[in-house]
Amino acid sequence: MSCFETSDSHEHPRLKPLRVALLKQGLYEEAKTMAGDLAGSGWKIVESDDERLCLVCERAGGFLRGTARVTIRVDGPDGIPSATAHVRSETASGLWPRDRANVLEFLLPFHRRVC
């Protein structure tokens, strides 16, 4: 299994956790809307935990890429507009997993949407 997730240790600014001045519930709702918009790219929401602010999406990649699973988790203080989105991509099979590219596929439009 391969995986890639956002981290402050990455040099690329779009591969770091996304921090914005929004309430965490608002950032989570934006993530759900954006994930729904990516359905045209083959992504589908397979799990949505509104209490834990965690969203799981999948896309079948076939033999070469395998099925990718992207998890978006939002955290932050209650009632204060300071939220962080963490994105993780995992691929269980396939010859050429694209986990880093999957994280960017979510974060680039998400950054445009909320920043």
PDB file of N, CA and C in Angstrom:
ATOM      1  N   MET A   1       0.852  -1.174   0.000  1.00  0.00           N
ATOM      2  CA  MET A   1       0.000   0.000   0.000  1.00  0.00           C
ATOM      3  C   MET A   1       0.897   1.235   0.000  1.00  0.00           C
ATOM      4  N   SER A   2       0.545   2.189  -0.818  1.00  0.00           N
ATOM      5  CA  SER A   2       1.265   3.460  -0.818  1.00  0.00           C
ATOM      6  C   SER A   2       0.351   4.533  -0.239  1.00  0.00           C
ATOM      7  N   CYS A   3       0.968   5.583   0.289  1.00  0.00           N
ATOM      8  CA  CYS A   3       0.165   6.690   0.812  1.00  0.00           C
ATOM      9  C   CYS A   3       0.983   7.975   0.782  1.00  0.00           C
ATOM     10  N   PHE A   4       0.272   9.067   0.837  1.00  0.00           N
ATOM     11  CA  PHE A   4       0.870  10.395   0.898  1.00  0.00           C
ATOM     12  C   PHE A   4      -0.118  11.281   1.629  1.00  0.00           C
ATOM     13  N   GLU A   5       0.381  12.135   2.522  1.00  0.00           N
ATOM     14  CA  GLU A   5      -0.507  13.047   3.231  1.00  0.00           C
ATOM     15  C   GLU A   5       0.141  14.403   3.416  1.00  0.00           C
ATOM     16  N   THR A   6      -0.710  15.394   3.620  1.00  0.00           N
ATOM     17  CA  THR A   6      -0.218  16.744   3.843  1.00  0.00           C
ATOM     18  C   THR A   6       0.617  16.774   5.125  1.00  0.00           C
ATOM     19  N   SER A   7       1.644  17.611   5.108  1.00  0.00           N
ATOM     20  CA  SER A   7       2.519  17.748   6.267  1.00  0.00           C
ATOM     21  C   SER A   7       3.236  19.082   6.185  1.00  0.00           C
ATOM     22  N   ASP A   8       3.500  19.666   7.322  1.00  0.00           N
ATOM     23  CA  ASP A   8       4.255  20.919   7.347  1.00  0.00           C
ATOM     24  C   ASP A   8       5.696  20.722   6.886  1.00  0.00           C
ATOM     25  N   SER A   9       6.168  19.493   6.815  1.00  0.00           N
ATOM     26  CA  SER A   9       7.543  19.235   6.386  1.00  0.00           C
ATOM     27  C   SER A   9       7.714  19.288   4.861  1.00  0.00           C
ATOM     28  N   HIS A  10       6.623  19.289   4.097  1.00  0.00           N
ATOM     29  CA  HIS A  10       6.728  19.360   2.636  1.00  0.00           C
ATOM     30  C   HIS A  10       7.088  20.782   2.208  1.00  0.00           C
ATOM     31  N   GLU A  11       7.931  20.876   1.191  1.00  0.00           N
ATOM     32  CA  GLU A  11       8.326  22.189   0.686  1.00  0.00           C
ATOM     33  C   GLU A  11       7.219  22.847  -0.127  1.00  0.00           C
ATOM     34  N   HIS A  12       6.519  22.060  -0.931  1.00  0.00           N
ATOM     35  CA  HIS A  12       5.466  22.599  -1.791  1.00  0.00           C
ATOM     36  C   HIS A  12       4.351  23.151  -0.897  1.00  0.00           C
ATOM     37  N   PRO A  13       3.983  24.427  -1.050  1.00  0.00           N
ATOM     38  CA  PRO A  13       2.976  25.017  -0.154  1.00  0.00           C
ATOM     39  C   PRO A  13       1.597  24.370  -0.253  1.00  0.00           C
ATOM     40  N   ARG A  14       1.256  23.753  -1.384  1.00  0.00           N
ATOM     41  CA  ARG A  14      -0.059  23.123  -1.528  1.00  0.00           C
ATOM     42  C   ARG A  14      -0.078  21.696  -0.991  1.00  0.00           C
ATOM     43  N   LEU A  15       1.048  21.238  -0.474  1.00  0.00           N
ATOM     44  CA  LEU A  15       1.104  19.912   0.131  1.00  0.00           C
ATOM     45  C   LEU A  15       1.180  19.976   1.657  1.00  0.00           C
ATOM     46  N   LYS A  16       1.009  21.162   2.167  1.00  0.00           N
ATOM     47  CA  LYS A  16       0.934  21.361   3.613  1.00  0.00           C
ATOM     48  C   LYS A  16      -0.540  21.354   4.026  1.00  0.00           C
ATOM     49  N   PRO A  17      -0.852  21.087   5.293  1.00  0.00           N
ATOM     50  CA  PRO A  17      -2.249  21.203   5.722  1.00  0.00           C
ATOM     51  C   PRO A  17      -2.772  22.604   5.400  1.00  0.00           C
ATOM     52  N   LEU A  18      -4.013  22.682   4.957  1.00  0.00           N
ATOM     53  CA  LEU A  18      -4.612  23.954   4.558  1.00  0.00           C
ATOM     54  C   LEU A  18      -5.220  24.628   5.788  1.00  0.00           C
ATOM     55  N   ARG A  19      -4.673  25.773   6.150  1.00  0.00           N
ATOM     56  CA  ARG A  19      -5.151  26.530   7.310  1.00  0.00           C
ATOM     57  C   ARG A  19      -5.845  27.799   6.825  1.00  0.00           C
ATOM     58  N   VAL A  20      -7.083  27.994   7.292  1.00  0.00           N
ATOM     59  CA  VAL A  20      -7.861  29.149   6.864  1.00  0.00           C
ATOM     60  C   VAL A  20      -8.609  29.747   8.046  1.00  0.00           C
ATOM     61  N   ALA A  21      -9.006  30.994   7.880  1.00  0.00           N
ATOM     62  CA  ALA A  21      -9.766  31.699   8.918  1.00  0.00           C
ATOM     63  C   ALA A  21     -11.258  31.459   8.719  1.00  0.00           C
ATOM     64  N   LEU A  22     -11.671  30.215   8.929  1.00  0.00           N
ATOM     65  CA  LEU A  22     -13.071  29.811   8.846  1.00  0.00           C
ATOM     66  C   LEU A  22     -13.377  28.938  10.054  1.00  0.00           C
ATOM     67  N   LEU A  23     -14.645  28.872  10.414  1.00  0.00           N
ATOM     68  CA  LEU A  23     -15.047  27.906  11.421  1.00  0.00           C
ATOM     69  C   LEU A  23     -14.844  26.510  10.847  1.00  0.00           C
ATOM     70  N   LYS A  24     -14.468  25.551  11.685  1.00  0.00           N
ATOM     71  CA  LYS A  24     -14.163  24.219  11.175  1.00  0.00           C
ATOM     72  C   LYS A  24     -15.357  23.557  10.492  1.00  0.00           C
ATOM     73  N   GLN A  25     -16.565  23.790  10.967  1.00  0.00           N
ATOM     74  CA  GLN A  25     -17.755  23.215  10.335  1.00  0.00           C
ATOM     75  C   GLN A  25     -17.935  23.803   8.929  1.00  0.00           C
ATOM     76  N   GLY A  26     -17.681  25.100   8.779  1.00  0.00           N
ATOM     77  CA  GLY A  26     -17.792  25.737   7.468  1.00  0.00           C
ATOM     78  C   GLY A  26     -16.769  25.193   6.486  1.00  0.00           C
ATOM     79  N   LEU A  27     -15.540  24.961   6.943  1.00  0.00           N
ATOM     80  CA  LEU A  27     -14.505  24.399   6.069  1.00  0.00           C
ATOM     81  C   LEU A  27     -14.869  22.974   5.665  1.00  0.00           C
ATOM     82  N   TYR A  28     -15.416  22.215   6.591  1.00  0.00           N
ATOM     83  CA  TYR A  28     -15.844  20.842   6.298  1.00  0.00           C
ATOM     84  C   TYR A  28     -16.964  20.837   5.256  1.00  0.00           C
ATOM     85  N   GLU A  29     -17.930  21.725   5.393  1.00  0.00           N
ATOM     86  CA  GLU A  29     -19.026  21.798   4.410  1.00  0.00           C
ATOM     87  C   GLU A  29     -18.498  22.168   3.026  1.00  0.00           C
ATOM     88  N   GLU A  30     -17.518  23.061   2.975  1.00  0.00           N
ATOM     89  CA  GLU A  30     -16.892  23.412   1.688  1.00  0.00           C
ATOM     90  C   GLU A  30     -16.179  22.202   1.092  1.00  0.00           C
ATOM     91  N   ALA A  31     -15.544  21.390   1.945  1.00  0.00           N
ATOM     92  CA  ALA A  31     -14.866  20.182   1.471  1.00  0.00           C
ATOM     93  C   ALA A  31     -15.877  19.203   0.874  1.00  0.00           C
ATOM     94  N   LYS A  32     -17.024  19.043   1.522  1.00  0.00           N
ATOM     95  CA  LYS A  32     -18.063  18.150   0.989  1.00  0.00           C
ATOM     96  C   LYS A  32     -18.571  18.641  -0.354  1.00  0.00           C
ATOM     97  N   THR A  33     -18.795  19.935  -0.472  1.00  0.00           N
ATOM     98  CA  THR A  33     -19.268  20.503  -1.736  1.00  0.00           C
ATOM     99  C   THR A  33     -18.236  20.289  -2.837  1.00  0.00           C
ATOM    100  N   MET A  34     -16.972  20.564  -2.529  1.00  0.00           N
ATOM    101  CA  MET A  34     -15.925  20.414  -3.521  1.00  0.00           C
ATOM    102  C   MET A  34     -15.759  18.957  -3.935  1.00  0.00           C
ATOM    103  N   ALA A  35     -15.823  18.030  -2.990  1.00  0.00           N
ATOM    104  CA  ALA A  35     -15.709  16.609  -3.315  1.00  0.00           C
ATOM    105  C   ALA A  35     -16.847  16.179  -4.237  1.00  0.00           C
ATOM    106  N   GLY A  36     -18.026  16.701  -4.006  1.00  0.00           N
ATOM    107  CA  GLY A  36     -19.151  16.419  -4.899  1.00  0.00           C
ATOM    108  C   GLY A  36     -18.911  16.959  -6.297  1.00  0.00           C
ATOM    109  N   ASP A  37     -18.258  18.125  -6.380  1.00  0.00           N
ATOM    110  CA  ASP A  37     -17.939  18.713  -7.680  1.00  0.00           C
ATOM    111  C   ASP A  37     -16.926  17.873  -8.460  1.00  0.00           C
ATOM    112  N   LEU A  38     -16.112  17.083  -7.753  1.00  0.00           N
ATOM    113  CA  LEU A  38     -15.098  16.263  -8.413  1.00  0.00           C
ATOM    114  C   LEU A  38     -15.655  14.936  -8.933  1.00  0.00           C
ATOM    115  N   ALA A  39     -16.956  14.742  -8.822  1.00  0.00           N
ATOM    116  CA  ALA A  39     -17.581  13.505  -9.317  1.00  0.00           C
ATOM    117  C   ALA A  39     -17.343  13.336 -10.813  1.00  0.00           C
ATOM    118  N   GLY A  40     -17.253  14.434 -11.541  1.00  0.00           N
ATOM    119  CA  GLY A  40     -16.981  14.366 -12.973  1.00  0.00           C
ATOM    120  C   GLY A  40     -15.604  13.800 -13.286  1.00  0.00           C
ATOM    121  N   SER A  41     -14.705  13.812 -12.307  1.00  0.00           N
ATOM    122  CA  SER A  41     -13.363  13.246 -12.470  1.00  0.00           C
ATOM    123  C   SER A  41     -13.289  11.809 -11.979  1.00  0.00           C
ATOM    124  N   GLY A  42     -14.445  11.239 -11.642  1.00  0.00           N
ATOM    125  CA  GLY A  42     -14.474   9.853 -11.197  1.00  0.00           C
ATOM    126  C   GLY A  42     -14.470   9.662  -9.693  1.00  0.00           C
ATOM    127  N   TRP A  43     -14.350  10.731  -8.921  1.00  0.00           N
ATOM    128  CA  TRP A  43     -14.346  10.621  -7.470  1.00  0.00           C
ATOM    129  C   TRP A  43     -15.772  10.485  -6.952  1.00  0.00           C
ATOM    130  N   LYS A  44     -15.952   9.712  -5.899  1.00  0.00           N
ATOM    131  CA  LYS A  44     -17.253   9.621  -5.245  1.00  0.00           C
ATOM    132  C   LYS A  44     -17.037   9.622  -3.732  1.00  0.00           C
ATOM    133  N   ILE A  45     -17.961  10.237  -3.026  1.00  0.00           N
ATOM    134  CA  ILE A  45     -17.908  10.262  -1.572  1.00  0.00           C
ATOM    135  C   ILE A  45     -18.422   8.910  -1.080  1.00  0.00           C
ATOM    136  N   VAL A  46     -17.605   8.203  -0.304  1.00  0.00           N
ATOM    137  CA  VAL A  46     -18.009   6.895   0.218  1.00  0.00           C
ATOM    138  C   VAL A  46     -18.300   6.941   1.718  1.00  0.00           C
ATOM    139  N   GLU A  47     -17.854   7.981   2.382  1.00  0.00           N
ATOM    140  CA  GLU A  47     -18.105   8.126   3.816  1.00  0.00           C
ATOM    141  C   GLU A  47     -18.081   9.600   4.171  1.00  0.00           C
ATOM    142  N   SER A  48     -19.045  10.019   4.966  1.00  0.00           N
ATOM    143  CA  SER A  48     -19.124  11.404   5.404  1.00  0.00           C
ATOM    144  C   SER A  48     -19.520  11.398   6.878  1.00  0.00           C
ATOM    145  N   ASP A  49     -18.582  11.727   7.740  1.00  0.00           N
ATOM    146  CA  ASP A  49     -18.822  11.749   9.173  1.00  0.00           C
ATOM    147  C   ASP A  49     -18.914  13.206   9.622  1.00  0.00           C
ATOM    148  N   ASP A  50     -20.136  13.722   9.675  1.00  0.00           N
ATOM    149  CA  ASP A  50     -20.354  15.129  10.000  1.00  0.00           C
ATOM    150  C   ASP A  50     -19.991  15.458  11.447  1.00  0.00           C
ATOM    151  N   GLU A  51     -19.977  14.475  12.317  1.00  0.00           N
ATOM    152  CA  GLU A  51     -19.620  14.713  13.716  1.00  0.00           C
ATOM    153  C   GLU A  51     -18.106  14.824  13.893  1.00  0.00           C
ATOM    154  N   ARG A  52     -17.373  13.931  13.232  1.00  0.00           N
ATOM    155  CA  ARG A  52     -15.907  13.943  13.332  1.00  0.00           C
ATOM    156  C   ARG A  52     -15.261  14.856  12.289  1.00  0.00           C
ATOM    157  N   LEU A  53     -16.065  15.417  11.379  1.00  0.00           N
ATOM    158  CA  LEU A  53     -15.587  16.290  10.304  1.00  0.00           C
ATOM    159  C   LEU A  53     -14.552  15.560   9.437  1.00  0.00           C
ATOM    160  N   CYS A  54     -14.947  14.384   8.979  1.00  0.00           N
ATOM    161  CA  CYS A  54     -14.068  13.540   8.179  1.00  0.00           C
ATOM    162  C   CYS A  54     -14.829  13.054   6.946  1.00  0.00           C
ATOM    163  N   LEU A  55     -14.190  13.146   5.806  1.00  0.00           N
ATOM    164  CA  LEU A  55     -14.796  12.817   4.526  1.00  0.00           C
ATOM    165  C   LEU A  55     -13.867  11.859   3.789  1.00  0.00           C
ATOM    166  N   VAL A  56     -14.414  10.777   3.239  1.00  0.00           N
ATOM    167  CA  VAL A  56     -13.613   9.800   2.506  1.00  0.00           C
ATOM    168  C   VAL A  56     -14.168   9.689   1.088  1.00  0.00           C
ATOM    169  N   CYS A  57     -13.275   9.806   0.111  1.00  0.00           N
ATOM    170  CA  CYS A  57     -13.645   9.711  -1.302  1.00  0.00           C
ATOM    171  C   CYS A  57     -12.810   8.615  -1.951  1.00  0.00           C
ATOM    172  N   GLU A  58     -13.365   7.996  -3.000  1.00  0.00           N
ATOM    173  CA  GLU A  58     -12.648   6.965  -3.739  1.00  0.00           C
ATOM    174  C   GLU A  58     -12.785   7.193  -5.230  1.00  0.00           C
ATOM    175  N   ARG A  59     -11.765   6.686  -5.954  1.00  0.00           N
ATOM    176  CA  ARG A  59     -11.805   6.679  -7.416  1.00  0.00           C
ATOM    177  C   ARG A  59     -11.107   5.418  -7.902  1.00  0.00           C
ATOM    178  N   ALA A  60     -11.798   4.671  -8.759  1.00  0.00           N
ATOM    179  CA  ALA A  60     -11.203   3.479  -9.343  1.00  0.00           C
ATOM    180  C   ALA A  60     -10.143   3.902 -10.340  1.00  0.00           C
ATOM    181  N   GLY A  61      -9.002   3.252 -10.290  1.00  0.00           N
ATOM    182  CA  GLY A  61      -7.913   3.631 -11.175  1.00  0.00           C
ATOM    183  C   GLY A  61      -7.511   2.541 -12.139  1.00  0.00           C
ATOM    184  N   GLY A  62      -8.162   1.404 -12.065  1.00  0.00           N
ATOM    185  CA  GLY A  62      -7.812   0.318 -12.963  1.00  0.00           C
ATOM    186  C   GLY A  62      -6.569  -0.425 -12.520  1.00  0.00           C
ATOM    187  N   PHE A  63      -6.047  -1.251 -13.410  1.00  0.00           N
ATOM    188  CA  PHE A  63      -4.911  -2.108 -13.097  1.00  0.00           C
ATOM    189  C   PHE A  63      -3.643  -1.312 -12.787  1.00  0.00           C
ATOM    190  N   LEU A  64      -3.385  -0.272 -13.550  1.00  0.00           N
ATOM    191  CA  LEU A  64      -2.125   0.451 -13.386  1.00  0.00           C
ATOM    192  C   LEU A  64      -2.090   1.356 -12.165  1.00  0.00           C
ATOM    193  N   ARG A  65      -3.201   1.989 -11.848  1.00  0.00           N
ATOM    194  CA  ARG A  65      -3.196   2.944 -10.731  1.00  0.00           C
ATOM    195  C   ARG A  65      -3.865   2.412  -9.482  1.00  0.00           C
ATOM    196  N   GLY A  66      -4.705   1.449  -9.576  1.00  0.00           N
ATOM    197  CA  GLY A  66      -5.404   0.932  -8.411  1.00  0.00           C
ATOM    198  C   GLY A  66      -6.473   1.909  -7.931  1.00  0.00           C
ATOM    199  N   THR A  67      -7.265   1.481  -6.960  1.00  0.00           N
ATOM    200  CA  THR A  67      -8.306   2.340  -6.399  1.00  0.00           C
ATOM    201  C   THR A  67      -7.696   3.262  -5.358  1.00  0.00           C
ATOM    202  N   ALA A  68      -7.907   4.558  -5.540  1.00  0.00           N
ATOM    203  CA  ALA A  68      -7.377   5.562  -4.610  1.00  0.00           C
ATOM    204  C   ALA A  68      -8.447   5.938  -3.602  1.00  0.00           C
ATOM    205  N   ARG A  69      -8.027   6.137  -2.382  1.00  0.00           N
ATOM    206  CA  ARG A  69      -8.915   6.539  -1.291  1.00  0.00           C
ATOM    207  C   ARG A  69      -8.319   7.794  -0.671  1.00  0.00           C
ATOM    208  N   VAL A  70      -9.065   8.897  -0.728  1.00  0.00           N
ATOM    209  CA  VAL A  70      -8.610  10.169  -0.184  1.00  0.00           C
ATOM    210  C   VAL A  70      -9.470  10.514   1.028  1.00  0.00           C
ATOM    211  N   THR A  71      -8.803  10.840   2.130  1.00  0.00           N
ATOM    212  CA  THR A  71      -9.479  11.224   3.363  1.00  0.00           C
ATOM    213  C   THR A  71      -9.182  12.688   3.647  1.00  0.00           C
ATOM    214  N   ILE A  72     -10.245  13.465   3.852  1.00  0.00           N
ATOM    215  CA  ILE A  72     -10.114  14.874   4.225  1.00  0.00           C
ATOM    216  C   ILE A  72     -10.629  15.002   5.649  1.00  0.00           C
ATOM    217  N   ARG A  73      -9.763  15.462   6.539  1.00  0.00           N
ATOM    218  CA  ARG A  73     -10.130  15.619   7.945  1.00  0.00           C
ATOM    219  C   ARG A  73      -9.939  17.080   8.333  1.00  0.00           C
ATOM    220  N   VAL A  74     -10.957  17.647   8.951  1.00  0.00           N
ATOM    221  CA  VAL A  74     -10.911  19.054   9.351  1.00  0.00           C
ATOM    222  C   VAL A  74     -10.876  19.135  10.872  1.00  0.00           C
ATOM    223  N   ASP A  75     -10.009  19.997  11.386  1.00  0.00           N
ATOM    224  CA  ASP A  75      -9.992  20.229  12.827  1.00  0.00           C
ATOM    225  C   ASP A  75      -9.785  21.707  13.107  1.00  0.00           C
ATOM    226  N   GLY A  76      -9.920  22.057  14.354  1.00  0.00           N
ATOM    227  CA  GLY A  76      -9.759  23.443  14.788  1.00  0.00           C
ATOM    228  C   GLY A  76     -10.550  23.670  16.057  1.00  0.00           C
ATOM    229  N   PRO A  77     -10.354  24.822  16.664  1.00  0.00           N
ATOM    230  CA  PRO A  77     -11.076  25.125  17.908  1.00  0.00           C
ATOM    231  C   PRO A  77     -12.558  25.398  17.644  1.00  0.00           C
ATOM    232  N   ASP A  78     -13.378  25.110  18.624  1.00  0.00           N
ATOM    233  CA  ASP A  78     -14.816  25.375  18.518  1.00  0.00           C
ATOM    234  C   ASP A  78     -15.080  26.876  18.611  1.00  0.00           C
ATOM    235  N   GLY A  79     -15.910  27.388  17.698  1.00  0.00           N
ATOM    236  CA  GLY A  79     -16.365  28.770  17.754  1.00  0.00           C
ATOM    237  C   GLY A  79     -15.343  29.818  17.370  1.00  0.00           C
ATOM    238  N   ILE A  80     -14.169  29.424  16.933  1.00  0.00           N
ATOM    239  CA  ILE A  80     -13.115  30.374  16.537  1.00  0.00           C
ATOM    240  C   ILE A  80     -12.793  30.120  15.069  1.00  0.00           C
ATOM    241  N   PRO A  81     -12.786  31.162  14.244  1.00  0.00           N
ATOM    242  CA  PRO A  81     -12.519  30.964  12.809  1.00  0.00           C
ATOM    243  C   PRO A  81     -11.043  30.658  12.529  1.00  0.00           C
ATOM    244  N   SER A  82     -10.653  29.435  12.807  1.00  0.00           N
ATOM    245  CA  SER A  82      -9.290  28.967  12.566  1.00  0.00           C
ATOM    246  C   SER A  82      -9.358  27.456  12.363  1.00  0.00           C
ATOM    247  N   ALA A  83      -9.437  27.031  11.101  1.00  0.00           N
ATOM    248  CA  ALA A  83      -9.614  25.604  10.802  1.00  0.00           C
ATOM    249  C   ALA A  83      -8.472  25.107   9.925  1.00  0.00           C
ATOM    250  N   THR A  84      -8.221  23.812  10.029  1.00  0.00           N
ATOM    251  CA  THR A  84      -7.165  23.169   9.248  1.00  0.00           C
ATOM    252  C   THR A  84      -7.727  21.930   8.572  1.00  0.00           C
ATOM    253  N   ALA A  85      -7.421  21.776   7.287  1.00  0.00           N
ATOM    254  CA  ALA A  85      -7.810  20.584   6.538  1.00  0.00           C
ATOM    255  C   ALA A  85      -6.561  19.744   6.270  1.00  0.00           C
ATOM    256  N   HIS A  86      -6.635  18.471   6.625  1.00  0.00           N
ATOM    257  CA  HIS A  86      -5.565  17.510   6.383  1.00  0.00           C
ATOM    258  C   HIS A  86      -6.062  16.550   5.305  1.00  0.00           C
ATOM    259  N   VAL A  87      -5.222  16.251   4.317  1.00  0.00           N
ATOM    260  CA  VAL A  87      -5.620  15.375   3.220  1.00  0.00           C
ATOM    261  C   VAL A  87      -4.626  14.222   3.130  1.00  0.00           C
ATOM    262  N   ARG A  88      -5.162  13.013   3.006  1.00  0.00           N
ATOM    263  CA  ARG A  88      -4.342  11.803   2.896  1.00  0.00           C
ATOM    264  C   ARG A  88      -4.878  10.960   1.745  1.00  0.00           C
ATOM    265  N   SER A  89      -3.971  10.455   0.919  1.00  0.00           N
ATOM    266  CA  SER A  89      -4.342   9.565  -0.180  1.00  0.00           C
ATOM    267  C   SER A  89      -3.659   8.228   0.032  1.00  0.00           C
ATOM    268  N   GLU A  90      -4.433   7.145  -0.153  1.00  0.00           N
ATOM    269  CA  GLU A  90      -3.912   5.787  -0.035  1.00  0.00           C
ATOM    270  C   GLU A  90      -4.343   4.989  -1.254  1.00  0.00           C
ATOM    271  N   THR A  91      -3.429   4.167  -1.751  1.00  0.00           N
ATOM    272  CA  THR A  91      -3.733   3.294  -2.865  1.00  0.00           C
ATOM    273  C   THR A  91      -3.289   1.880  -2.479  1.00  0.00           C
ATOM    274  N   ALA A  92      -4.221   0.943  -2.529  1.00  0.00           N
ATOM    275  CA  ALA A  92      -3.933  -0.409  -2.063  1.00  0.00           C
ATOM    276  C   ALA A  92      -3.266  -1.275  -3.123  1.00  0.00           C
ATOM    277  N   SER A  93      -3.456  -0.960  -4.393  1.00  0.00           N
ATOM    278  CA  SER A  93      -2.889  -1.805  -5.452  1.00  0.00           C
ATOM    279  C   SER A  93      -2.535  -0.937  -6.646  1.00  0.00           C
ATOM    280  N   GLY A  94      -2.103  -1.573  -7.704  1.00  0.00           N
ATOM    281  CA  GLY A  94      -1.747  -0.842  -8.923  1.00  0.00           C
ATOM    282  C   GLY A  94      -0.244  -0.700  -9.055  1.00  0.00           C
ATOM    283  N   LEU A  95       0.206  -0.547 -10.276  1.00  0.00           N
ATOM    284  CA  LEU A  95       1.639  -0.430 -10.532  1.00  0.00           C
ATOM    285  C   LEU A  95       2.172   0.987 -10.317  1.00  0.00           C
ATOM    286  N   TRP A  96       1.341   2.002 -10.603  1.00  0.00           N
ATOM    287  CA  TRP A  96       1.781   3.387 -10.478  1.00  0.00           C
ATOM    288  C   TRP A  96       0.779   4.201  -9.662  1.00  0.00           C
ATOM    289  N   PRO A  97       0.820   4.075  -8.359  1.00  0.00           N
ATOM    290  CA  PRO A  97      -0.095   4.881  -7.555  1.00  0.00           C
ATOM    291  C   PRO A  97       0.246   6.363  -7.696  1.00  0.00           C
ATOM    292  N   ARG A  98      -0.770   7.206  -7.571  1.00  0.00           N
ATOM    293  CA  ARG A  98      -0.596   8.651  -7.755  1.00  0.00           C
ATOM    294  C   ARG A  98      -0.996   9.407  -6.497  1.00  0.00           C
ATOM    295  N   ASP A  99      -0.567   8.959  -5.334  1.00  0.00           N
ATOM    296  CA  ASP A  99      -1.054   9.537  -4.092  1.00  0.00           C
ATOM    297  C   ASP A  99      -0.720  11.025  -3.950  1.00  0.00           C
ATOM    298  N   ARG A 100       0.479  11.416  -4.281  1.00  0.00           N
ATOM    299  CA  ARG A 100       0.844  12.838  -4.201  1.00  0.00           C
ATOM    300  C   ARG A 100      -0.033  13.659  -5.153  1.00  0.00           C
ATOM    301  N   ALA A 101      -0.207  13.156  -6.366  1.00  0.00           N
ATOM    302  CA  ALA A 101      -1.049  13.849  -7.352  1.00  0.00           C
ATOM    303  C   ALA A 101      -2.506  13.897  -6.893  1.00  0.00           C
ATOM    304  N   ASN A 102      -2.971  12.842  -6.220  1.00  0.00           N
ATOM    305  CA  ASN A 102      -4.350  12.842  -5.715  1.00  0.00           C
ATOM    306  C   ASN A 102      -4.547  13.918  -4.658  1.00  0.00           C
ATOM    307  N   VAL A 103      -3.576  14.072  -3.770  1.00  0.00           N
ATOM    308  CA  VAL A 103      -3.666  15.114  -2.748  1.00  0.00           C
ATOM    309  C   VAL A 103      -3.739  16.480  -3.423  1.00  0.00           C
ATOM    310  N   LEU A 104      -2.900  16.704  -4.408  1.00  0.00           N
ATOM    311  CA  LEU A 104      -2.933  17.976  -5.139  1.00  0.00           C
ATOM    312  C   LEU A 104      -4.245  18.165  -5.888  1.00  0.00           C
ATOM    313  N   GLU A 105      -4.804  17.079  -6.421  1.00  0.00           N
ATOM    314  CA  GLU A 105      -6.066  17.176  -7.152  1.00  0.00           C
ATOM    315  C   GLU A 105      -7.186  17.690  -6.249  1.00  0.00           C
ATOM    316  N   PHE A 106      -7.114  17.392  -4.966  1.00  0.00           N
ATOM    317  CA  PHE A 106      -8.092  17.917  -4.020  1.00  0.00           C
ATOM    318  C   PHE A 106      -7.703  19.302  -3.515  1.00  0.00           C
ATOM    319  N   LEU A 107      -6.440  19.483  -3.186  1.00  0.00           N
ATOM    320  CA  LEU A 107      -6.042  20.731  -2.537  1.00  0.00           C
ATOM    321  C   LEU A 107      -6.003  21.940  -3.457  1.00  0.00           C
ATOM    322  N   LEU A 108      -5.649  21.779  -4.707  1.00  0.00           N
ATOM    323  CA  LEU A 108      -5.589  22.945  -5.603  1.00  0.00           C
ATOM    324  C   LEU A 108      -6.956  23.620  -5.758  1.00  0.00           C
ATOM    325  N   PRO A 109      -8.017  22.890  -6.131  1.00  0.00           N
ATOM    326  CA  PRO A 109      -9.319  23.572  -6.222  1.00  0.00           C
ATOM    327  C   PRO A 109      -9.870  23.970  -4.855  1.00  0.00           C
ATOM    328  N   PHE A 110      -9.527  23.206  -3.814  1.00  0.00           N
ATOM    329  CA  PHE A 110     -10.007  23.533  -2.473  1.00  0.00           C
ATOM    330  C   PHE A 110      -9.386  24.845  -1.995  1.00  0.00           C
ATOM    331  N   HIS A 111      -8.122  25.026  -2.279  1.00  0.00           N
ATOM    332  CA  HIS A 111      -7.441  26.271  -1.918  1.00  0.00           C
ATOM    333  C   HIS A 111      -8.083  27.458  -2.629  1.00  0.00           C
ATOM    334  N   ARG A 112      -8.368  27.302  -3.920  1.00  0.00           N
ATOM    335  CA  ARG A 112      -9.036  28.378  -4.664  1.00  0.00           C
ATOM    336  C   ARG A 112     -10.412  28.676  -4.098  1.00  0.00           C
ATOM    337  N   ARG A 113     -11.088  27.657  -3.640  1.00  0.00           N
ATOM    338  CA  ARG A 113     -12.461  27.808  -3.132  1.00  0.00           C
ATOM    339  C   ARG A 113     -12.520  28.551  -1.799  1.00  0.00           C
ATOM    340  N   VAL A 114     -11.569  28.296  -0.898  1.00  0.00           N
ATOM    341  CA  VAL A 114     -11.695  28.832   0.461  1.00  0.00           C
ATOM    342  C   VAL A 114     -10.694  29.935   0.803  1.00  0.00           C
ATOM    343  N   CYS A 115      -9.723  30.178  -0.062  1.00  0.00           N
ATOM    344  CA  CYS A 115      -8.740  31.222   0.247  1.00  0.00           C
ATOM    345  C   CYS A 115      -8.959  32.487  -0.557  1.00  0.00           C
TER     346      CYS A 115
END
